[in-house]
Amino acid sequence: MRIALDVMGGDNAPDEILKGAVHALASLNEDDQLVLVGNENVIFAHLKNAGCNDSRLDIVPSSDDIDMMEIPVEAVRNKPDSSIVKTAELGGRKANPRADIIISAGNTGAFATAAQMELRRLKGVHRPGIGVVMPTFGGPVVLCDVGANPEPKAHHLWQYGLMAEAYSKFVLNIEKPLIAQLNIGGEAAKGTESVKNARKLFENTPNCNYHGYVEGRQIFESPANVVVTDGFVGNTVLKLAEGMAAGLFRMIMREMKEANPNMAEQFGPIVKHIYAQHDYHEYGGAPLLGANGICIIVHGSANARTIENAVIKSRKLVSHNLNAAITRRLNEVNEVSVA
């Protein structure tokens, strides 16, 4: 398997990205190849300092970077030799050899834009969406979209649900995933026109295990395996959940230490174990569902562990033939109407 990794993207790039890449080598097969995309001198220097000369590493040089604050479409157009664009190109049809997986922790909009330009979309997909696995008290929930499309139409939301359904079924091994839409209430009359029209599409879809609407607090009670929303709301929910989890566990540890240091020593490992299950670094990254290839978008504040997990876990998407499953599901239902 050939995996292309943007070394220059992310708040902690390039050091943490490269450190994670080196750590990930221990979990790769002998015939796998990890392609590092970025400043050639920086990459060589890091590998030399790490004492790493693994033959499975390849380097594709780039001379430019895209900053987190840059406007995605303009940045991709104006910086063709940036690490993000070069990484996306490796996943494109013109690449020889082509990468099976492309990964970046850089500017999300820019990477999603470049990936869609190079990989294109799966047949029948209107708009790809980012599907992230959220750990909840009742099990994993696939939330889609979390940033690719802030203003989707009804049929985009409908396809997000079907693509995330395939992800939940074939990667997370949930036999018949329950799909819900995130809304401000459970009543059918609530929500924007896009949300209400998407509901009708789900209700008219054959073999669709549709739950209806859920509110934000219900996500963590896990009434559904898939939660559908637009990219603006989804990204906000995701970041809120990450901040809340980190702050809550810090507060618990602080209170235990102040109340009884022995208690903190005794229960600290348990708290840390629970936190690890709700830590986004553990999950690596999120696939751009609907792209004609495996594109993994990693959190901008990724550290070495995040990158290592992104490299390792992205291989599952290839081995489970996720894109083939998405295509089959969309072909099954074809187009359904609102009426």
Foldseek 3Di string as FASTA:
>chain_A
DEEEEEQAAFPPGNQQLLLLVVVLVVVDDPPYAYEYEEAPVVNVVNCVVVVHDRPSYHYDYADDADAQPDDQVVCVVVRCRHSLLVQLQLCAPPHVVHGQEGEHQHRPQNNLVSNCVGQNFDPPQDFWAWWDWAQAPVGTATEIHAAHFQDDALVNLLLRQLLVQLCCCLQVVDPAWEEEEEFQDQDLPGDDPRLNLNQLQQVQFPSHNYDGYDYLVCVRVPPTRYYTDGNVVNNVSVVVQQVVLVVVLVVVLVVCCVVDVVSSVVCVVVSVVVSCSRHLLQQQFTFRGRGNHTYTHGHSNHGSSSSSNVVNSSVSCVVSVSNVSSVVSCVNRPGDGSD
